[in-house]
Amino acid sequence: MAGPMWLLVPALFALGLAAQLDLDCAKPESARALIDYAQLSEIEQVEDIHRDELDKALARCPTGPGRERCQAERRRDAEVDWNRKVAEIKIRYQRIKEEFEERCRASLALGPAAAGSPR
């Protein structure tokens, strides 16, 4: 079920994420909420693609006596694939949160010069 759309969505989302998310160390709660929202949004997008791929896979099952077995196998495969995709997304956003926290700690440690303030 790992079709081209599954590969494309995270790549585009990750590229857009860096440009779109305004993560402000002065407002860490807002930044974390924004990261959580972006994660949920990506999961929902991938879920739509996943559901469509599953429907297509189920439709390819032959009619007749083997149909139920085929559909059960496709559903099992889809469940494994779905769990893997969600885990990958969660890991990616956890990394984004950790990088944000690290950047904020570094800017605090370096003081105003790190934020671009004149001395």
Protein backbone atom coordinates (compact mmCIF):
# COMPACT_ATOMS: atom_id res chain seq x y z
CA MET A 1 0.00 0.00 0.00
CA ALA A 2 3.00 2.29 0.07
CA GLY A 3 2.04 4.16 -3.07
CA PRO A 4 3.61 7.31 -4.42
CA MET A 5 1.17 9.56 -2.54
CA TRP A 6 2.33 8.16 0.81
CA LEU A 7 5.90 9.08 -0.09
CA LEU A 8 4.99 12.50 -1.43
CA VAL A 9 2.78 13.81 1.38
CA PRO A 10 5.33 13.62 4.23
CA ALA A 11 8.08 15.08 2.05
CA LEU A 12 5.97 18.05 1.02
CA PHE A 13 4.62 18.47 4.51
CA ALA A 14 8.11 18.46 6.03
CA LEU A 15 9.32 21.05 3.53
CA GLY A 16 6.33 23.27 4.20
CA LEU A 17 6.58 22.72 7.92
CA ALA A 18 9.88 24.50 8.25
CA ALA A 19 8.58 27.46 6.29
CA GLN A 20 5.11 27.65 7.83
CA LEU A 21 5.54 26.97 11.53
CA ASP A 22 6.50 30.05 13.48
CA LEU A 23 8.00 28.45 16.56
CA ASP A 24 8.70 31.18 19.09
CA CYS A 25 10.86 30.37 22.10
CA ALA A 26 9.12 33.19 23.98
CA LYS A 27 5.83 31.28 23.63
CA PRO A 28 6.75 27.62 24.10
CA GLU A 29 3.20 26.45 24.87
CA SER A 30 1.91 27.98 21.63
CA ALA A 31 4.80 26.47 19.69
CA ARG A 32 4.16 23.00 21.11
CA ALA A 33 0.45 23.32 20.34
CA LEU A 34 1.29 24.31 16.77
CA ILE A 35 3.56 21.29 16.39
CA ASP A 36 0.80 19.04 17.77
CA TYR A 37 -1.71 20.57 15.36
CA ALA A 38 0.63 20.03 12.40
CA GLN A 39 1.14 16.41 13.45
CA LEU A 40 -2.59 15.78 13.68
CA SER A 41 -3.12 17.44 10.32
CA GLU A 42 -0.53 15.22 8.66
CA ILE A 43 -1.99 12.09 10.26
CA GLU A 44 -5.43 13.04 8.94
CA GLN A 45 -4.07 13.64 5.43
CA VAL A 46 -2.25 10.31 5.43
CA GLU A 47 -5.36 8.61 6.82
CA ASP A 48 -7.39 9.82 3.84
CA ILE A 49 -4.78 8.50 1.41
CA HIS A 50 -4.52 5.25 3.36
CA ARG A 51 -8.28 4.73 3.34
CA ASP A 52 -8.40 5.29 -0.42
CA GLU A 53 -5.55 2.82 -0.97
CA LEU A 54 -7.33 0.23 1.19
CA ASP A 55 -10.57 0.66 -0.76
CA LYS A 56 -8.68 0.09 -4.01
CA ALA A 57 -6.89 -2.95 -2.60
CA LEU A 58 -10.17 -4.47 -1.40
CA ALA A 59 -11.73 -3.86 -4.80
CA ARG A 60 -8.92 -5.86 -6.43
CA CYS A 61 -9.85 -8.98 -4.46
CA PRO A 62 -11.38 -11.60 -6.72
CA THR A 63 -15.06 -12.40 -6.52
CA GLY A 64 -15.97 -15.86 -5.37
CA PRO A 65 -14.93 -18.09 -2.50
CA GLY A 66 -11.53 -16.47 -1.84
CA ARG A 67 -12.84 -12.92 -1.60
CA GLU A 68 -13.33 -12.84 2.17
CA ARG A 69 -9.88 -14.29 2.82
CA CYS A 70 -8.31 -11.82 0.40
CA GLN A 71 -10.09 -8.88 2.02
CA ALA A 72 -9.09 -10.03 5.50
CA GLU A 73 -5.44 -10.25 4.39
CA ARG A 74 -5.57 -6.82 2.78
CA ARG A 75 -7.10 -5.35 5.94
CA ARG A 76 -4.38 -6.94 8.10
CA ASP A 77 -1.67 -5.62 5.78
CA ALA A 78 -3.31 -2.19 5.79
CA GLU A 79 -3.44 -2.16 9.60
CA VAL A 80 0.28 -2.95 9.84
CA ASP A 81 1.04 -0.29 7.22
CA TRP A 82 -1.15 2.27 8.99
CA ASN A 83 0.48 1.67 12.37
CA ARG A 84 3.92 2.06 10.78
CA LYS A 85 2.94 5.32 9.08
CA VAL A 86 1.50 6.83 12.26
CA ALA A 87 4.58 5.79 14.24
CA GLU A 88 6.85 7.45 11.65
CA ILE A 89 4.83 10.66 11.80
CA LYS A 90 4.89 10.71 15.61
CA ILE A 91 8.65 10.14 15.64
CA ARG A 92 9.19 12.98 13.16
CA TYR A 93 7.13 15.43 15.21
CA GLN A 94 8.77 14.35 18.44
CA ARG A 95 12.08 15.18 16.78
CA ILE A 96 10.73 18.59 15.76
CA LYS A 97 9.69 19.25 19.37
CA GLU A 98 13.09 18.17 20.66
CA GLU A 99 14.90 20.38 18.13
CA PHE A 100 12.68 23.30 19.11
CA GLU A 101 13.42 22.75 22.81
CA GLU A 102 17.14 22.46 22.10
CA ARG A 103 17.14 25.64 19.99
CA CYS A 104 15.35 27.52 22.76
CA ARG A 105 17.75 26.25 25.43
CA ALA A 106 20.69 27.29 23.23
CA SER A 107 19.28 30.77 22.67
CA LEU A 108 18.78 31.20 26.42
CA ALA A 109 22.31 30.01 27.13
CA LEU A 110 23.81 32.36 24.54
CA GLY A 111 21.73 35.31 25.68
CA PRO A 112 20.50 38.30 23.64
CA ALA A 113 23.27 37.98 21.03
CA ALA A 114 21.78 34.66 19.91
CA ALA A 115 18.45 36.30 19.28
CA GLY A 116 20.06 38.95 17.11
CA SER A 117 19.83 41.79 19.63
CA PRO A 118 22.50 44.49 19.53
CA ARG A 119 25.07 44.44 22.32
